[in-house]
Amino acid sequence: MAIHRVDNTRIVTVMKLGFVVKTLFHFKRIDRGLPKLTLEEFYMSMMLTAHLLTSFLFLTASMCFSMEGMIMAQALMVKVLLRVTRIPIPTARDIYECVTKAADFEVDLPSAFR
């Protein structure tokens, strides 16, 4: 169940990353023919760029950690299922030692025909 939640979180993170990249690279002030930036607008633009780049790095790290966590959870689940909780498969010798022989089975003839 946790693995499916990580998959959903990863999908949302990819969508957020797409939004950050589109917001960061979509608007070009020079193409619009707008006047040059004032000092305050330049600082605001730099703060927005720093915010978007930090968001990009955080979301990328979040995706890497979620994938690593999912791989670790899957590996642990396989280990628990295969090594800890599984009953060992008997060998042919183990089966042969457990089988009763015909000589040991109902040696008393009257009890066999009860």
C-alpha atoms as a PDB file:
ATOM      1  CA  MET A   1       0.000   0.000   0.000  1.00  0.00           C
ATOM      2  CA  ALA A   2       2.841   2.400   0.806  1.00  0.00           C
ATOM      3  CA  ILE A   3       4.430   1.801  -2.582  1.00  0.00           C
ATOM      4  CA  HIS A   4       1.269   3.007  -4.334  1.00  0.00           C
ATOM      5  CA  ARG A   5       1.289   6.158  -2.219  1.00  0.00           C
ATOM      6  CA  VAL A   6       4.894   6.807  -3.230  1.00  0.00           C
ATOM      7  CA  ASP A   7       3.916   6.353  -6.884  1.00  0.00           C
ATOM      8  CA  ASN A   8       1.137   8.935  -6.478  1.00  0.00           C
ATOM      9  CA  THR A   9       3.477  11.321  -4.686  1.00  0.00           C
ATOM     10  CA  ARG A  10       6.033  10.923  -7.466  1.00  0.00           C
ATOM     11  CA  ILE A  11       3.415  11.752 -10.114  1.00  0.00           C
ATOM     12  CA  VAL A  12       2.429  14.906  -8.224  1.00  0.00           C
ATOM     13  CA  THR A  13       6.096  15.849  -7.814  1.00  0.00           C
ATOM     14  CA  VAL A  14       6.708  15.497 -11.555  1.00  0.00           C
ATOM     15  CA  MET A  15       3.720  17.751 -12.231  1.00  0.00           C
ATOM     16  CA  LYS A  16       5.071  20.331  -9.773  1.00  0.00           C
ATOM     17  CA  LEU A  17       8.469  20.159 -11.439  1.00  0.00           C
ATOM     18  CA  GLY A  18       6.845  20.796 -14.809  1.00  0.00           C
ATOM     19  CA  PHE A  19       5.049  23.826 -13.375  1.00  0.00           C
ATOM     20  CA  VAL A  20       8.287  25.198 -11.870  1.00  0.00           C
ATOM     21  CA  VAL A  21      10.232  24.749 -15.106  1.00  0.00           C
ATOM     22  CA  LYS A  22       7.449  26.301 -17.188  1.00  0.00           C
ATOM     23  CA  THR A  23       7.138  29.242 -14.815  1.00  0.00           C
ATOM     24  CA  LEU A  24      10.887  29.768 -14.749  1.00  0.00           C
ATOM     25  CA  PHE A  25      11.478  29.691 -18.497  1.00  0.00           C
ATOM     26  CA  HIS A  26       8.165  30.786 -20.006  1.00  0.00           C
ATOM     27  CA  PHE A  27       8.101  34.536 -19.502  1.00  0.00           C
ATOM     28  CA  LYS A  28      10.811  36.591 -21.175  1.00  0.00           C
ATOM     29  CA  ARG A  29      10.599  40.307 -20.499  1.00  0.00           C
ATOM     30  CA  ILE A  30      12.730  41.221 -23.513  1.00  0.00           C
ATOM     31  CA  ASP A  31      10.372  39.524 -25.979  1.00  0.00           C
ATOM     32  CA  ARG A  32       7.408  41.560 -24.772  1.00  0.00           C
ATOM     33  CA  GLY A  33       8.977  44.952 -25.441  1.00  0.00           C
ATOM     34  CA  LEU A  34       8.610  46.045 -21.812  1.00  0.00           C
ATOM     35  CA  PRO A  35      10.848  48.731 -20.304  1.00  0.00           C
ATOM     36  CA  LYS A  36      13.984  47.771 -18.379  1.00  0.00           C
ATOM     37  CA  LEU A  37      13.605  46.580 -14.814  1.00  0.00           C
ATOM     38  CA  THR A  38      14.031  48.974 -11.932  1.00  0.00           C
ATOM     39  CA  LEU A  39      16.337  47.926  -9.099  1.00  0.00           C
ATOM     40  CA  GLU A  40      13.415  46.730  -6.928  1.00  0.00           C
ATOM     41  CA  GLU A  41      11.914  44.745  -9.807  1.00  0.00           C
ATOM     42  CA  PHE A  42      15.316  43.213 -10.530  1.00  0.00           C
ATOM     43  CA  TYR A  43      15.663  42.131  -6.888  1.00  0.00           C
ATOM     44  CA  MET A  44      12.139  40.687  -6.912  1.00  0.00           C
ATOM     45  CA  SER A  45      12.933  38.875 -10.139  1.00  0.00           C
ATOM     46  CA  MET A  46      16.126  37.455  -8.630  1.00  0.00           C
ATOM     47  CA  MET A  47      14.249  36.347  -5.494  1.00  0.00           C
ATOM     48  CA  LEU A  48      11.598  34.649  -7.632  1.00  0.00           C
ATOM     49  CA  THR A  49      14.302  32.919  -9.667  1.00  0.00           C
ATOM     50  CA  ALA A  50      16.092  31.779  -6.496  1.00  0.00           C
ATOM     51  CA  HIS A  51      12.773  30.533  -5.099  1.00  0.00           C
ATOM     52  CA  LEU A  52      11.955  28.596  -8.253  1.00  0.00           C
ATOM     53  CA  LEU A  53      15.435  27.075  -8.491  1.00  0.00           C
ATOM     54  CA  THR A  54      15.303  26.062  -4.827  1.00  0.00           C
ATOM     55  CA  SER A  55      11.880  24.515  -5.438  1.00  0.00           C
ATOM     56  CA  PHE A  56      13.279  22.667  -8.434  1.00  0.00           C
ATOM     57  CA  LEU A  57      16.175  21.267  -6.402  1.00  0.00           C
ATOM     58  CA  PHE A  58      13.896  20.321  -3.492  1.00  0.00           C
ATOM     59  CA  LEU A  59      11.428  18.534  -5.758  1.00  0.00           C
ATOM     60  CA  THR A  60      14.226  16.739  -7.613  1.00  0.00           C
ATOM     61  CA  ALA A  61      15.727  15.573  -4.303  1.00  0.00           C
ATOM     62  CA  SER A  62      12.246  14.538  -3.164  1.00  0.00           C
ATOM     63  CA  MET A  63      11.824  12.399  -6.289  1.00  0.00           C
ATOM     64  CA  CYS A  64      15.221  10.761  -5.821  1.00  0.00           C
ATOM     65  CA  PHE A  65      14.503   9.979  -2.165  1.00  0.00           C
ATOM     66  CA  SER A  66      11.041   8.614  -2.956  1.00  0.00           C
ATOM     67  CA  MET A  67      12.439   6.307  -5.639  1.00  0.00           C
ATOM     68  CA  GLU A  68      15.203   5.156  -3.291  1.00  0.00           C
ATOM     69  CA  GLY A  69      12.655   4.546  -0.543  1.00  0.00           C
ATOM     70  CA  MET A  70      10.406   2.604  -2.893  1.00  0.00           C
ATOM     71  CA  ILE A  71      13.318   0.410  -4.009  1.00  0.00           C
ATOM     72  CA  MET A  72      14.311  -0.213  -0.381  1.00  0.00           C
ATOM     73  CA  ALA A  73      10.723  -1.051   0.607  1.00  0.00           C
ATOM     74  CA  GLN A  74      10.376  -3.472  -2.300  1.00  0.00           C
ATOM     75  CA  ALA A  75      13.702  -5.140  -1.455  1.00  0.00           C
ATOM     76  CA  LEU A  76      12.752  -5.476   2.210  1.00  0.00           C
ATOM     77  CA  MET A  77       9.350  -6.896   1.308  1.00  0.00           C
ATOM     78  CA  VAL A  78      10.947  -9.509  -0.954  1.00  0.00           C
ATOM     79  CA  LYS A  79      13.493 -10.373   1.729  1.00  0.00           C
ATOM     80  CA  VAL A  80      10.816 -10.812   4.380  1.00  0.00           C
ATOM     81  CA  LEU A  81       8.639 -12.928   2.108  1.00  0.00           C
ATOM     82  CA  LEU A  82      11.438 -15.142   0.819  1.00  0.00           C
ATOM     83  CA  ARG A  83      13.767 -15.528   3.780  1.00  0.00           C
ATOM     84  CA  VAL A  84      11.906 -14.855   6.996  1.00  0.00           C
ATOM     85  CA  THR A  85       8.300 -16.020   6.677  1.00  0.00           C
ATOM     86  CA  ARG A  86       8.507 -18.702   3.992  1.00  0.00           C
ATOM     87  CA  ILE A  87       8.533 -22.347   5.016  1.00  0.00           C
ATOM     88  CA  PRO A  88      11.626 -24.005   3.592  1.00  0.00           C
ATOM     89  CA  ILE A  89      11.030 -26.296   0.636  1.00  0.00           C
ATOM     90  CA  PRO A  90      11.895 -29.870   1.621  1.00  0.00           C
ATOM     91  CA  THR A  91      14.426 -31.820  -0.356  1.00  0.00           C
ATOM     92  CA  ALA A  92      13.838 -35.348  -1.671  1.00  0.00           C
ATOM     93  CA  ARG A  93      15.833 -36.760   1.266  1.00  0.00           C
ATOM     94  CA  ASP A  94      13.636 -34.888   3.782  1.00  0.00           C
ATOM     95  CA  ILE A  95      10.502 -36.277   2.151  1.00  0.00           C
ATOM     96  CA  TYR A  96      11.927 -39.808   2.098  1.00  0.00           C
ATOM     97  CA  GLU A  97      12.759 -39.645   5.816  1.00  0.00           C
ATOM     98  CA  CYS A  98       9.229 -38.486   6.708  1.00  0.00           C
ATOM     99  CA  VAL A  99       7.331 -41.117   4.714  1.00  0.00           C
ATOM    100  CA  THR A 100       6.127 -44.123   6.689  1.00  0.00           C
ATOM    101  CA  LYS A 101       7.024 -47.457   5.279  1.00  0.00           C
ATOM    102  CA  ALA A 102       4.434 -50.093   4.405  1.00  0.00           C
ATOM    103  CA  ALA A 103       5.870 -52.417   7.037  1.00  0.00           C
ATOM    104  CA  ASP A 104       5.036 -49.882   9.748  1.00  0.00           C
ATOM    105  CA  PHE A 105       1.484 -49.329   8.546  1.00  0.00           C
ATOM    106  CA  GLU A 106      -1.246 -51.471  10.190  1.00  0.00           C
ATOM    107  CA  VAL A 107       0.824 -54.437  11.174  1.00  0.00           C
ATOM    108  CA  ASP A 108      -2.022 -55.926  13.196  1.00  0.00           C
ATOM    109  CA  LEU A 109      -4.275 -57.700  10.649  1.00  0.00           C
ATOM    110  CA  PRO A 110      -7.513 -57.784  12.764  1.00  0.00           C
ATOM    111  CA  SER A 111      -7.299 -54.012  13.367  1.00  0.00           C
ATOM    112  CA  ALA A 112      -6.923 -53.473   9.610  1.00  0.00           C
ATOM    113  CA  PHE A 113     -10.335 -55.145   8.986  1.00  0.00           C
ATOM    114  CA  ARG A 114     -12.303 -53.548  11.809  1.00  0.00           C
END
